[in-house]
Amino acid sequence: MDFDLSTAILGVAGFLFIVALLVLTVWAFKALFGDGNGTNPKTARERRLAVVETASVDANRKLCLVRRDDVEHLLIIGGPVDLVVETGIKGRPAPLQPPHSDVVIAKTAPRTGPKLGQP
């Protein structure tokens, strides 16, 4: 049995082609049907949970603003005990509106303060 170099190269090239074909098939399957982690583009939902902002309190603790659906929660994490500071924050506050035109603000003369130290 003779060893032919051209047959060996052709065998290796065929093996690499089959491996590349398998990798391409797996990639296409994941792209079409998702990878099992809920990242299917056809059934992907909008994210419900997000970390909006974090701030460092000290070397160990962080102040985190977490949003679930449209409600935000303020947490202190990283210390011996995690703590919910405030819950039920309704997103960003609406900007202040200018007062109505029929509102009248009365102006009065300045009053003098009490005289301290005198009976």
PDB file of N, CA and C in Angstrom:
ATOM      1  N   MET A   1       0.851  -1.160   0.000  1.00  0.00           N
ATOM      2  CA  MET A   1       0.000   0.000   0.000  1.00  0.00           C
ATOM      3  C   MET A   1       0.895   1.221   0.000  1.00  0.00           C
ATOM      4  N   ASP A   2       0.736   2.036  -1.022  1.00  0.00           N
ATOM      5  CA  ASP A   2       1.555   3.232  -1.192  1.00  0.00           C
ATOM      6  C   ASP A   2       0.925   4.423  -0.488  1.00  0.00           C
ATOM      7  N   PHE A   3       1.796   5.287   0.015  1.00  0.00           N
ATOM      8  CA  PHE A   3       1.329   6.546   0.599  1.00  0.00           C
ATOM      9  C   PHE A   3       1.422   7.605  -0.476  1.00  0.00           C
ATOM     10  N   ASP A   4       0.258   8.147  -0.828  1.00  0.00           N
ATOM     11  CA  ASP A   4       0.224   9.171  -1.867  1.00  0.00           C
ATOM     12  C   ASP A   4      -0.088  10.513  -1.195  1.00  0.00           C
ATOM     13  N   LEU A   5       0.776  11.506  -1.383  1.00  0.00           N
ATOM     14  CA  LEU A   5       0.630  12.803  -0.743  1.00  0.00           C
ATOM     15  C   LEU A   5      -0.621  13.530  -1.235  1.00  0.00           C
ATOM     16  N   SER A   6      -0.930  13.422  -2.484  1.00  0.00           N
ATOM     17  CA  SER A   6      -2.117  14.123  -3.011  1.00  0.00           C
ATOM     18  C   SER A   6      -3.402  13.544  -2.429  1.00  0.00           C
ATOM     19  N   THR A   7      -3.444  12.249  -2.179  1.00  0.00           N
ATOM     20  CA  THR A   7      -4.619  11.637  -1.568  1.00  0.00           C
ATOM     21  C   THR A   7      -4.757  12.071  -0.113  1.00  0.00           C
ATOM     22  N   ALA A   8      -3.640  12.189   0.621  1.00  0.00           N
ATOM     23  CA  ALA A   8      -3.674  12.640   2.011  1.00  0.00           C
ATOM     24  C   ALA A   8      -4.159  14.098   2.094  1.00  0.00           C
ATOM     25  N   ILE A   9      -3.661  14.943   1.221  1.00  0.00           N
ATOM     26  CA  ILE A   9      -4.092  16.354   1.211  1.00  0.00           C
ATOM     27  C   ILE A   9      -5.572  16.445   0.871  1.00  0.00           C
ATOM     28  N   LEU A  10      -6.024  15.654  -0.077  1.00  0.00           N
ATOM     29  CA  LEU A  10      -7.438  15.647  -0.440  1.00  0.00           C
ATOM     30  C   LEU A  10      -8.296  15.147   0.721  1.00  0.00           C
ATOM     31  N   GLY A  11      -7.820  14.172   1.491  1.00  0.00           N
ATOM     32  CA  GLY A  11      -8.554  13.667   2.651  1.00  0.00           C
ATOM     33  C   GLY A  11      -8.661  14.712   3.760  1.00  0.00           C
ATOM     34  N   VAL A  12      -7.559  15.401   4.042  1.00  0.00           N
ATOM     35  CA  VAL A  12      -7.574  16.453   5.057  1.00  0.00           C
ATOM     36  C   VAL A  12      -8.489  17.598   4.629  1.00  0.00           C
ATOM     37  N   ALA A  13      -8.437  17.993   3.383  1.00  0.00           N
ATOM     38  CA  ALA A  13      -9.294  19.063   2.875  1.00  0.00           C
ATOM     39  C   ALA A  13     -10.769  18.659   2.965  1.00  0.00           C
ATOM     40  N   GLY A  14     -11.076  17.395   2.652  1.00  0.00           N
ATOM     41  CA  GLY A  14     -12.453  16.908   2.771  1.00  0.00           C
ATOM     42  C   GLY A  14     -12.932  16.928   4.213  1.00  0.00           C
ATOM     43  N   PHE A  15     -12.054  16.513   5.142  1.00  0.00           N
ATOM     44  CA  PHE A  15     -12.392  16.528   6.568  1.00  0.00           C
ATOM     45  C   PHE A  15     -12.661  17.955   7.045  1.00  0.00           C
ATOM     46  N   LEU A  16     -11.806  18.905   6.686  1.00  0.00           N
ATOM     47  CA  LEU A  16     -12.005  20.307   7.062  1.00  0.00           C
ATOM     48  C   LEU A  16     -13.285  20.885   6.450  1.00  0.00           C
ATOM     49  N   PHE A  17     -13.612  20.473   5.226  1.00  0.00           N
ATOM     50  CA  PHE A  17     -14.838  20.942   4.590  1.00  0.00           C
ATOM     51  C   PHE A  17     -16.069  20.445   5.351  1.00  0.00           C
ATOM     52  N   ILE A  18     -16.051  19.195   5.788  1.00  0.00           N
ATOM     53  CA  ILE A  18     -17.190  18.640   6.531  1.00  0.00           C
ATOM     54  C   ILE A  18     -17.325  19.315   7.889  1.00  0.00           C
ATOM     55  N   VAL A  19     -16.205  19.590   8.578  1.00  0.00           N
ATOM     56  CA  VAL A  19     -16.251  20.285   9.868  1.00  0.00           C
ATOM     57  C   VAL A  19     -16.819  21.695   9.673  1.00  0.00           C
ATOM     58  N   ALA A  20     -16.366  22.399   8.641  1.00  0.00           N
ATOM     59  CA  ALA A  20     -16.880  23.745   8.360  1.00  0.00           C
ATOM     60  C   ALA A  20     -18.367  23.695   8.036  1.00  0.00           C
ATOM     61  N   LEU A  21     -18.809  22.688   7.327  1.00  0.00           N
ATOM     62  CA  LEU A  21     -20.223  22.539   7.001  1.00  0.00           C
ATOM     63  C   LEU A  21     -21.048  22.288   8.256  1.00  0.00           C
ATOM     64  N   LEU A  22     -20.543  21.485   9.191  1.00  0.00           N
ATOM     65  CA  LEU A  22     -21.244  21.249  10.451  1.00  0.00           C
ATOM     66  C   LEU A  22     -21.334  22.529  11.282  1.00  0.00           C
ATOM     67  N   VAL A  23     -20.241  23.289  11.368  1.00  0.00           N
ATOM     68  CA  VAL A  23     -20.254  24.543  12.123  1.00  0.00           C
ATOM     69  C   VAL A  23     -21.248  25.520  11.510  1.00  0.00           C
ATOM     70  N   LEU A  24     -21.275  25.617  10.214  1.00  0.00           N
ATOM     71  CA  LEU A  24     -22.220  26.505   9.528  1.00  0.00           C
ATOM     72  C   LEU A  24     -23.662  26.072   9.769  1.00  0.00           C
ATOM     73  N   THR A  25     -23.926  24.778   9.807  1.00  0.00           N
ATOM     74  CA  THR A  25     -25.275  24.279  10.071  1.00  0.00           C
ATOM     75  C   THR A  25     -25.712  24.601  11.491  1.00  0.00           C
ATOM     76  N   VAL A  26     -24.831  24.424  12.468  1.00  0.00           N
ATOM     77  CA  VAL A  26     -25.167  24.747  13.857  1.00  0.00           C
ATOM     78  C   VAL A  26     -25.418  26.250  14.006  1.00  0.00           C
ATOM     79  N   TRP A  27     -24.584  27.073  13.382  1.00  0.00           N
ATOM     80  CA  TRP A  27     -24.771  28.524  13.446  1.00  0.00           C
ATOM     81  C   TRP A  27     -26.114  28.940  12.837  1.00  0.00           C
ATOM     82  N   ALA A  28     -26.463  28.371  11.696  1.00  0.00           N
ATOM     83  CA  ALA A  28     -27.733  28.703  11.051  1.00  0.00           C
ATOM     84  C   ALA A  28     -28.916  28.247  11.904  1.00  0.00           C
ATOM     85  N   PHE A  29     -28.800  27.089  12.539  1.00  0.00           N
ATOM     86  CA  PHE A  29     -29.874  26.593  13.395  1.00  0.00           C
ATOM     87  C   PHE A  29     -30.083  27.529  14.587  1.00  0.00           C
ATOM     88  N   LYS A  30     -28.989  27.991  15.215  1.00  0.00           N
ATOM     89  CA  LYS A  30     -29.114  28.915  16.331  1.00  0.00           C
ATOM     90  C   LYS A  30     -29.673  30.261  15.894  1.00  0.00           C
ATOM     91  N   ALA A  31     -29.297  30.719  14.719  1.00  0.00           N
ATOM     92  CA  ALA A  31     -29.792  32.005  14.235  1.00  0.00           C
ATOM     93  C   ALA A  31     -31.287  31.941  13.952  1.00  0.00           C
ATOM     94  N   LEU A  32     -31.772  30.814  13.489  1.00  0.00           N
ATOM     95  CA  LEU A  32     -33.192  30.697  13.162  1.00  0.00           C
ATOM     96  C   LEU A  32     -34.057  30.359  14.367  1.00  0.00           C
ATOM     97  N   PHE A  33     -33.587  29.479  15.237  1.00  0.00           N
ATOM     98  CA  PHE A  33     -34.423  28.973  16.314  1.00  0.00           C
ATOM     99  C   PHE A  33     -33.953  29.365  17.705  1.00  0.00           C
ATOM    100  N   GLY A  34     -32.957  30.186  17.833  1.00  0.00           N
ATOM    101  CA  GLY A  34     -32.472  30.607  19.142  1.00  0.00           C
ATOM    102  C   GLY A  34     -31.491  29.602  19.701  1.00  0.00           C
ATOM    103  N   ASP A  35     -30.849  29.994  20.811  1.00  0.00           N
ATOM    104  CA  ASP A  35     -29.830  29.118  21.394  1.00  0.00           C
ATOM    105  C   ASP A  35     -30.262  28.505  22.707  1.00  0.00           C
ATOM    106  N   GLY A  36     -31.556  28.536  23.024  1.00  0.00           N
ATOM    107  CA  GLY A  36     -32.037  27.909  24.237  1.00  0.00           C
ATOM    108  C   GLY A  36     -31.994  28.813  25.455  1.00  0.00           C
ATOM    109  N   ASN A  37     -31.490  30.033  25.312  1.00  0.00           N
ATOM    110  CA  ASN A  37     -31.408  30.960  26.433  1.00  0.00           C
ATOM    111  C   ASN A  37     -32.470  32.061  26.355  1.00  0.00           C
ATOM    112  N   GLY A  38     -33.490  31.864  25.573  1.00  0.00           N
ATOM    113  CA  GLY A  38     -34.534  32.869  25.446  1.00  0.00           C
ATOM    114  C   GLY A  38     -34.154  34.005  24.521  1.00  0.00           C
ATOM    115  N   THR A  39     -33.179  33.784  23.662  1.00  0.00           N
ATOM    116  CA  THR A  39     -32.756  34.845  22.755  1.00  0.00           C
ATOM    117  C   THR A  39     -33.255  34.617  21.337  1.00  0.00           C
ATOM    118  N   ASN A  40     -34.331  33.910  21.212  1.00  0.00           N
ATOM    119  CA  ASN A  40     -34.907  33.696  19.899  1.00  0.00           C
ATOM    120  C   ASN A  40     -35.445  35.014  19.380  1.00  0.00           C
ATOM    121  N   PRO A  41     -34.963  35.479  18.233  1.00  0.00           N
ATOM    122  CA  PRO A  41     -35.425  36.781  17.745  1.00  0.00           C
ATOM    123  C   PRO A  41     -36.919  36.817  17.415  1.00  0.00           C
ATOM    124  N   LYS A  42     -37.509  35.655  17.135  1.00  0.00           N
ATOM    125  CA  LYS A  42     -38.933  35.629  16.809  1.00  0.00           C
ATOM    126  C   LYS A  42     -39.800  35.762  18.055  1.00  0.00           C
ATOM    127  N   THR A  43     -39.313  35.275  19.200  1.00  0.00           N
ATOM    128  CA  THR A  43     -40.125  35.314  20.416  1.00  0.00           C
ATOM    129  C   THR A  43     -39.491  36.182  21.504  1.00  0.00           C
ATOM    130  N   ALA A  44     -38.474  36.962  21.157  1.00  0.00           N
ATOM    131  CA  ALA A  44     -37.810  37.794  22.167  1.00  0.00           C
ATOM    132  C   ALA A  44     -38.759  38.877  22.647  1.00  0.00           C
ATOM    133  N   ARG A  45     -38.835  39.010  23.979  1.00  0.00           N
ATOM    134  CA  ARG A  45     -39.685  40.034  24.569  1.00  0.00           C
ATOM    135  C   ARG A  45     -38.827  41.222  24.961  1.00  0.00           C
ATOM    136  N   GLU A  46     -39.515  42.295  25.234  1.00  0.00           N
ATOM    137  CA  GLU A  46     -38.815  43.471  25.732  1.00  0.00           C
ATOM    138  C   GLU A  46     -38.286  43.165  27.131  1.00  0.00           C
ATOM    139  N   ARG A  47     -37.111  43.638  27.424  1.00  0.00           N
ATOM    140  CA  ARG A  47     -36.506  43.402  28.729  1.00  0.00           C
ATOM    141  C   ARG A  47     -37.340  44.058  29.817  1.00  0.00           C
ATOM    142  N   ARG A  48     -37.596  43.322  30.915  1.00  0.00           N
ATOM    143  CA  ARG A  48     -38.388  43.840  32.025  1.00  0.00           C
ATOM    144  C   ARG A  48     -37.526  44.363  33.151  1.00  0.00           C
ATOM    145  N   LEU A  49     -36.274  43.934  33.224  1.00  0.00           N
ATOM    146  CA  LEU A  49     -35.421  44.274  34.351  1.00  0.00           C
ATOM    147  C   LEU A  49     -34.161  44.964  33.836  1.00  0.00           C
ATOM    148  N   ALA A  50     -33.797  46.096  34.473  1.00  0.00           N
ATOM    149  CA  ALA A  50     -32.601  46.831  34.054  1.00  0.00           C
ATOM    150  C   ALA A  50     -32.036  47.601  35.234  1.00  0.00           C
ATOM    151  N   VAL A  51     -30.719  47.734  35.253  1.00  0.00           N
ATOM    152  CA  VAL A  51     -30.059  48.597  36.217  1.00  0.00           C
ATOM    153  C   VAL A  51     -29.955  49.968  35.558  1.00  0.00           C
ATOM    154  N   VAL A  52     -30.651  50.949  36.118  1.00  0.00           N
ATOM    155  CA  VAL A  52     -30.704  52.272  35.514  1.00  0.00           C
ATOM    156  C   VAL A  52     -29.428  53.043  35.812  1.00  0.00           C
ATOM    157  N   GLU A  53     -29.018  53.032  37.084  1.00  0.00           N
ATOM    158  CA  GLU A  53     -27.854  53.822  37.475  1.00  0.00           C
ATOM    159  C   GLU A  53     -27.264  53.237  38.752  1.00  0.00           C
ATOM    160  N   THR A  54     -25.943  53.377  38.908  1.00  0.00           N
ATOM    161  CA  THR A  54     -25.285  52.964  40.143  1.00  0.00           C
ATOM    162  C   THR A  54     -24.363  54.077  40.611  1.00  0.00           C
ATOM    163  N   ALA A  55     -24.184  54.166  41.915  1.00  0.00           N
ATOM    164  CA  ALA A  55     -23.256  55.131  42.501  1.00  0.00           C
ATOM    165  C   ALA A  55     -22.556  54.454  43.672  1.00  0.00           C
ATOM    166  N   SER A  56     -21.277  54.719  43.818  1.00  0.00           N
ATOM    167  CA  SER A  56     -20.505  54.129  44.902  1.00  0.00           C
ATOM    168  C   SER A  56     -20.718  54.929  46.174  1.00  0.00           C
ATOM    169  N   VAL A  57     -21.107  54.243  47.259  1.00  0.00           N
ATOM    170  CA  VAL A  57     -21.304  54.894  48.553  1.00  0.00           C
ATOM    171  C   VAL A  57     -19.985  54.905  49.315  1.00  0.00           C
ATOM    172  N   ASP A  58     -19.329  53.772  49.412  1.00  0.00           N
ATOM    173  CA  ASP A  58     -17.999  53.669  49.996  1.00  0.00           C
ATOM    174  C   ASP A  58     -17.287  52.505  49.311  1.00  0.00           C
ATOM    175  N   ALA A  59     -16.210  52.009  49.919  1.00  0.00           N
ATOM    176  CA  ALA A  59     -15.412  50.968  49.269  1.00  0.00           C
ATOM    177  C   ALA A  59     -16.193  49.676  49.057  1.00  0.00           C
ATOM    178  N   ASN A  60     -17.189  49.400  49.912  1.00  0.00           N
ATOM    179  CA  ASN A  60     -17.914  48.130  49.823  1.00  0.00           C
ATOM    180  C   ASN A  60     -19.309  48.263  49.244  1.00  0.00           C
ATOM    181  N   ARG A  61     -19.965  49.373  49.493  1.00  0.00           N
ATOM    182  CA  ARG A  61     -21.394  49.475  49.164  1.00  0.00           C
ATOM    183  C   ARG A  61     -21.652  50.313  47.919  1.00  0.00           C
ATOM    184  N   LYS A  62     -22.733  49.960  47.233  1.00  0.00           N
ATOM    185  CA  LYS A  62     -23.181  50.703  46.053  1.00  0.00           C
ATOM    186  C   LYS A  62     -24.659  51.031  46.202  1.00  0.00           C
ATOM    187  N   LEU A  63     -25.026  52.155  45.673  1.00  0.00           N
ATOM    188  CA  LEU A  63     -26.422  52.571  45.598  1.00  0.00           C
ATOM    189  C   LEU A  63     -26.877  52.285  44.174  1.00  0.00           C
ATOM    190  N   CYS A  64     -27.904  51.454  44.001  1.00  0.00           N
ATOM    191  CA  CYS A  64     -28.355  51.030  42.678  1.00  0.00           C
ATOM    192  C   CYS A  64     -29.811  51.427  42.472  1.00  0.00           C
ATOM    193  N   LEU A  65     -30.091  51.948  41.300  1.00  0.00           N
ATOM    194  CA  LEU A  65     -31.458  52.224  40.892  1.00  0.00           C
ATOM    195  C   LEU A  65     -31.831  51.158  39.865  1.00  0.00           C
ATOM    196  N   VAL A  66     -32.784  50.297  40.233  1.00  0.00           N
ATOM    197  CA  VAL A  66     -33.174  49.154  39.407  1.00  0.00           C
ATOM    198  C   VAL A  66     -34.593  49.384  38.908  1.00  0.00           C
ATOM    199  N   ARG A  67     -34.824  49.146  37.597  1.00  0.00           N
ATOM    200  CA  ARG A  67     -36.165  49.297  37.035  1.00  0.00           C
ATOM    201  C   ARG A  67     -36.717  47.946  36.655  1.00  0.00           C
ATOM    202  N   ARG A  68     -37.938  47.660  37.099  1.00  0.00           N
ATOM    203  CA  ARG A  68     -38.688  46.478  36.705  1.00  0.00           C
ATOM    204  C   ARG A  68     -39.988  46.970  36.116  1.00  0.00           C
ATOM    205  N   ASP A  69     -40.247  46.604  34.876  1.00  0.00           N
ATOM    206  CA  ASP A  69     -41.368  47.143  34.102  1.00  0.00           C
ATOM    207  C   ASP A  69     -41.227  48.666  34.096  1.00  0.00           C
ATOM    208  N   ASP A  70     -42.156  49.417  34.658  1.00  0.00           N
ATOM    209  CA  ASP A  70     -42.045  50.870  34.694  1.00  0.00           C
ATOM    210  C   ASP A  70     -41.871  51.389  36.109  1.00  0.00           C
ATOM    211  N   VAL A  71     -41.496  50.535  37.041  1.00  0.00           N
ATOM    212  CA  VAL A  71     -41.340  50.923  38.439  1.00  0.00           C
ATOM    213  C   VAL A  71     -39.863  50.798  38.810  1.00  0.00           C
ATOM    214  N   GLU A  72     -39.337  51.823  39.488  1.00  0.00           N
ATOM    215  CA  GLU A  72     -37.940  51.808  39.889  1.00  0.00           C
ATOM    216  C   GLU A  72     -37.824  51.563  41.385  1.00  0.00           C
ATOM    217  N   HIS A  73     -36.725  50.919  41.793  1.00  0.00           N
ATOM    218  CA  HIS A  73     -36.453  50.603  43.191  1.00  0.00           C
ATOM    219  C   HIS A  73     -35.028  51.048  43.491  1.00  0.00           C
ATOM    220  N   LEU A  74     -34.825  51.701  44.635  1.00  0.00           N
ATOM    221  CA  LEU A  74     -33.509  52.159  45.057  1.00  0.00           C
ATOM    222  C   LEU A  74     -32.970  51.192  46.098  1.00  0.00           C
ATOM    223  N   LEU A  75     -31.766  50.621  45.845  1.00  0.00           N
ATOM    224  CA  LEU A  75     -31.178  49.596  46.697  1.00  0.00           C
ATOM    225  C   LEU A  75     -29.774  49.996  47.120  1.00  0.00           C
ATOM    226  N   ILE A  76     -29.376  49.605  48.322  1.00  0.00           N
ATOM    227  CA  ILE A  76     -27.980  49.670  48.740  1.00  0.00           C
ATOM    228  C   ILE A  76     -27.500  48.226  48.817  1.00  0.00           C
ATOM    229  N   ILE A  77     -26.467  47.906  48.053  1.00  0.00           N
ATOM    230  CA  ILE A  77     -25.974  46.532  47.993  1.00  0.00           C
ATOM    231  C   ILE A  77     -24.485  46.504  48.317  1.00  0.00           C
ATOM    232  N   GLY A  78     -23.987  45.335  48.714  1.00  0.00           N
ATOM    233  CA  GLY A  78     -22.571  45.115  48.900  1.00  0.00           C
ATOM    234  C   GLY A  78     -22.099  45.149  50.337  1.00  0.00           C
ATOM    235  N   GLY A  79     -22.885  45.608  51.261  1.00  0.00           N
ATOM    236  CA  GLY A  79     -22.478  45.624  52.662  1.00  0.00           C
ATOM    237  C   GLY A  79     -22.837  44.314  53.320  1.00  0.00           C
ATOM    238  N   PRO A  80     -22.863  44.290  54.643  1.00  0.00           N
ATOM    239  CA  PRO A  80     -23.258  43.060  55.334  1.00  0.00           C
ATOM    240  C   PRO A  80     -24.726  42.718  55.097  1.00  0.00           C
ATOM    241  N   VAL A  81     -25.527  43.737  54.830  1.00  0.00           N
ATOM    242  CA  VAL A  81     -26.949  43.526  54.561  1.00  0.00           C
ATOM    243  C   VAL A  81     -27.341  44.376  53.358  1.00  0.00           C
ATOM    244  N   ASP A  82     -28.023  43.783  52.382  1.00  0.00           N
ATOM    245  CA  ASP A  82     -28.574  44.556  51.278  1.00  0.00           C
ATOM    246  C   ASP A  82     -29.871  45.192  51.749  1.00  0.00           C
ATOM    247  N   LEU A  83     -30.123  46.424  51.318  1.00  0.00           N
ATOM    248  CA  LEU A  83     -31.227  47.185  51.873  1.00  0.00           C
ATOM    249  C   LEU A  83     -32.012  47.855  50.760  1.00  0.00           C
ATOM    250  N   VAL A  84     -33.343  47.764  50.834  1.00  0.00           N
ATOM    251  CA  VAL A  84     -34.213  48.489  49.920  1.00  0.00           C
ATOM    252  C   VAL A  84     -34.475  49.858  50.544  1.00  0.00           C
ATOM    253  N   VAL A  85     -33.985  50.913  49.900  1.00  0.00           N
ATOM    254  CA  VAL A  85     -34.138  52.264  50.428  1.00  0.00           C
ATOM    255  C   VAL A  85     -35.510  52.814  50.082  1.00  0.00           C
ATOM    256  N   GLU A  86     -35.888  52.684  48.826  1.00  0.00           N
ATOM    257  CA  GLU A  86     -37.182  53.207  48.376  1.00  0.00           C
ATOM    258  C   GLU A  86     -37.701  52.287  47.284  1.00  0.00           C
ATOM    259  N   THR A  87     -38.988  52.065  47.295  1.00  0.00           N
ATOM    260  CA  THR A  87     -39.591  51.194  46.295  1.00  0.00           C
ATOM    261  C   THR A  87     -40.798  51.878  45.679  1.00  0.00           C
ATOM    262  N   GLY A  88     -41.155  51.453  44.506  1.00  0.00           N
ATOM    263  CA  GLY A  88     -42.342  51.988  43.855  1.00  0.00           C
ATOM    264  C   GLY A  88     -42.137  53.347  43.240  1.00  0.00           C
ATOM    265  N   ILE A  89     -40.914  53.680  42.851  1.00  0.00           N
ATOM    266  CA  ILE A  89     -40.668  54.966  42.210  1.00  0.00           C
ATOM    267  C   ILE A  89     -41.211  54.871  40.792  1.00  0.00           C
ATOM    268  N   LYS A  90     -42.058  55.790  40.405  1.00  0.00           N
ATOM    269  CA  LYS A  90     -42.708  55.753  39.093  1.00  0.00           C
ATOM    270  C   LYS A  90     -41.880  56.479  38.044  1.00  0.00           C
ATOM    271  N   GLY A  91     -40.841  55.858  37.561  1.00  0.00           N
ATOM    272  CA  GLY A  91     -40.053  56.425  36.472  1.00  0.00           C
ATOM    273  C   GLY A  91     -39.525  57.811  36.783  1.00  0.00           C
ATOM    274  N   ARG A  92     -39.323  58.597  35.787  1.00  0.00           N
ATOM    275  CA  ARG A  92     -38.820  59.952  35.962  1.00  0.00           C
ATOM    276  C   ARG A  92     -39.982  60.891  36.262  1.00  0.00           C
ATOM    277  N   PRO A  93     -39.767  61.872  37.161  1.00  0.00           N
ATOM    278  CA  PRO A  93     -40.854  62.806  37.460  1.00  0.00           C
ATOM    279  C   PRO A  93     -41.135  63.704  36.258  1.00  0.00           C
ATOM    280  N   ALA A  94     -42.398  64.087  36.136  1.00  0.00           N
ATOM    281  CA  ALA A  94     -42.786  64.972  35.038  1.00  0.00           C
ATOM    282  C   ALA A  94     -42.203  66.361  35.287  1.00  0.00           C
ATOM    283  N   PRO A  95     -41.808  67.066  34.239  1.00  0.00           N
ATOM    284  CA  PRO A  95     -41.278  68.413  34.440  1.00  0.00           C
ATOM    285  C   PRO A  95     -42.363  69.346  34.970  1.00  0.00           C
ATOM    286  N   LEU A  96     -41.947  70.328  35.746  1.00  0.00           N
ATOM    287  CA  LEU A  96     -42.904  71.262  36.328  1.00  0.00           C
ATOM    288  C   LEU A  96     -43.541  72.114  35.245  1.00  0.00           C
ATOM    289  N   GLN A  97     -44.827  72.299  35.369  1.00  0.00           N
ATOM    290  CA  GLN A  97     -45.565  73.140  34.429  1.00  0.00           C
ATOM    291  C   GLN A  97     -45.609  74.563  34.961  1.00  0.00           C
ATOM    292  N   PRO A  98     -45.659  75.550  34.091  1.00  0.00           N
ATOM    293  CA  PRO A  98     -45.789  76.928  34.584  1.00  0.00           C
ATOM    294  C   PRO A  98     -47.152  77.109  35.251  1.00  0.00           C
ATOM    295  N   PRO A  99     -47.248  78.053  36.214  1.00  0.00           N
ATOM    296  CA  PRO A  99     -48.533  78.238  36.889  1.00  0.00           C
ATOM    297  C   PRO A  99     -49.598  78.743  35.925  1.00  0.00           C
ATOM    298  N   HIS A 100     -50.835  78.490  36.288  1.00  0.00           N
ATOM    299  CA  HIS A 100     -51.939  78.958  35.459  1.00  0.00           C
ATOM    300  C   HIS A 100     -51.957  80.474  35.440  1.00  0.00           C
ATOM    301  N   SER A 101     -52.529  81.038  34.401  1.00  0.00           N
ATOM    302  CA  SER A 101     -52.528  82.495  34.261  1.00  0.00           C
ATOM    303  C   SER A 101     -53.445  83.174  35.270  1.00  0.00           C
ATOM    304  N   ASP A 102     -54.420  82.467  35.837  1.00  0.00           N
ATOM    305  CA  ASP A 102     -55.337  83.107  36.778  1.00  0.00           C
ATOM    306  C   ASP A 102     -54.853  83.028  38.221  1.00  0.00           C
ATOM    307  N   VAL A 103     -53.647  82.483  38.455  1.00  0.00           N
ATOM    308  CA  VAL A 103     -53.106  82.415  39.801  1.00  0.00           C
ATOM    309  C   VAL A 103     -52.443  83.757  40.120  1.00  0.00           C
ATOM    310  N   VAL A 104     -52.804  84.340  41.254  1.00  0.00           N
ATOM    311  CA  VAL A 104     -52.237  85.610  41.676  1.00  0.00           C
ATOM    312  C   VAL A 104     -51.401  85.361  42.917  1.00  0.00           C
ATOM    313  N   ILE A 105     -50.161  85.779  42.878  1.00  0.00           N
ATOM    314  CA  ILE A 105     -49.289  85.644  44.032  1.00  0.00           C
ATOM    315  C   ILE A 105     -49.256  86.988  44.732  1.00  0.00           C
ATOM    316  N   ALA A 106     -49.715  87.017  45.972  1.00  0.00           N
ATOM    317  CA  ALA A 106     -49.793  88.268  46.722  1.00  0.00           C
ATOM    318  C   ALA A 106     -48.413  88.652  47.211  1.00  0.00           C
ATOM    319  N   LYS A 107     -48.103  89.924  47.064  1.00  0.00           N
ATOM    320  CA  LYS A 107     -46.822  90.430  47.544  1.00  0.00           C
ATOM    321  C   LYS A 107     -47.096  91.236  48.796  1.00  0.00           C
ATOM    322  N   THR A 108     -46.319  90.989  49.838  1.00  0.00           N
ATOM    323  CA  THR A 108     -46.492  91.713  51.101  1.00  0.00           C
ATOM    324  C   THR A 108     -45.199  92.420  51.443  1.00  0.00           C
ATOM    325  N   ALA A 109     -45.311  93.366  52.348  1.00  0.00           N
ATOM    326  CA  ALA A 109     -44.127  94.095  52.800  1.00  0.00           C
ATOM    327  C   ALA A 109     -43.305  93.174  53.689  1.00  0.00           C
ATOM    328  N   PRO A 110     -41.994  93.320  53.687  1.00  0.00           N
ATOM    329  CA  PRO A 110     -41.166  92.458  54.535  1.00  0.00           C
ATOM    330  C   PRO A 110     -41.445  92.716  56.009  1.00  0.00           C
ATOM    331  N   ARG A 111     -41.424  91.654  56.799  1.00  0.00           N
ATOM    332  CA  ARG A 111     -41.663  91.752  58.234  1.00  0.00           C
ATOM    333  C   ARG A 111     -40.335  91.764  58.967  1.00  0.00           C
ATOM    334  N   THR A 112     -40.322  92.426  60.074  1.00  0.00           N
ATOM    335  CA  THR A 112     -39.108  92.419  60.889  1.00  0.00           C
ATOM    336  C   THR A 112     -39.105  91.161  61.753  1.00  0.00           C
ATOM    337  N   GLY A 113     -37.921  90.657  61.985  1.00  0.00           N
ATOM    338  CA  GLY A 113     -37.777  89.451  62.786  1.00  0.00           C
ATOM    339  C   GLY A 113     -37.905  89.764  64.262  1.00  0.00           C
ATOM    340  N   PRO A 114     -38.077  88.756  65.111  1.00  0.00           N
ATOM    341  CA  PRO A 114     -38.173  88.984  66.539  1.00  0.00           C
ATOM    342  C   PRO A 114     -36.844  89.464  67.100  1.00  0.00           C
ATOM    343  N   LYS A 115     -36.913  90.275  68.108  1.00  0.00           N
ATOM    344  CA  LYS A 115     -35.709  90.786  68.758  1.00  0.00           C
ATOM    345  C   LYS A 115     -35.301  89.802  69.835  1.00  0.00           C
ATOM    346  N   LEU A 116     -34.198  89.140  69.622  1.00  0.00           N
ATOM    347  CA  LEU A 116     -33.751  88.120  70.546  1.00  0.00           C
ATOM    348  C   LEU A 116     -32.938  88.739  71.680  1.00  0.00           C
ATOM    349  N   GLY A 117     -33.076  88.217  72.841  1.00  0.00           N
ATOM    350  CA  GLY A 117     -32.318  88.689  73.986  1.00  0.00           C
ATOM    351  C   GLY A 117     -32.984  89.830  74.723  1.00  0.00           C
ATOM    352  N   GLN A 118     -34.104  90.327  74.272  1.00  0.00           N
ATOM    353  CA  GLN A 118     -34.804  91.425  74.961  1.00  0.00           C
ATOM    354  C   GLN A 118     -36.110  90.869  75.543  1.00  0.00           C
ATOM    355  N   PRO A 119     -36.436  91.245  76.808  1.00  0.00           N
ATOM    356  CA  PRO A 119     -37.661  90.702  77.425  1.00  0.00           C
ATOM    357  C   PRO A 119     -38.929  91.346  76.901  1.00  0.00           C
TER     358      PRO A 119
END
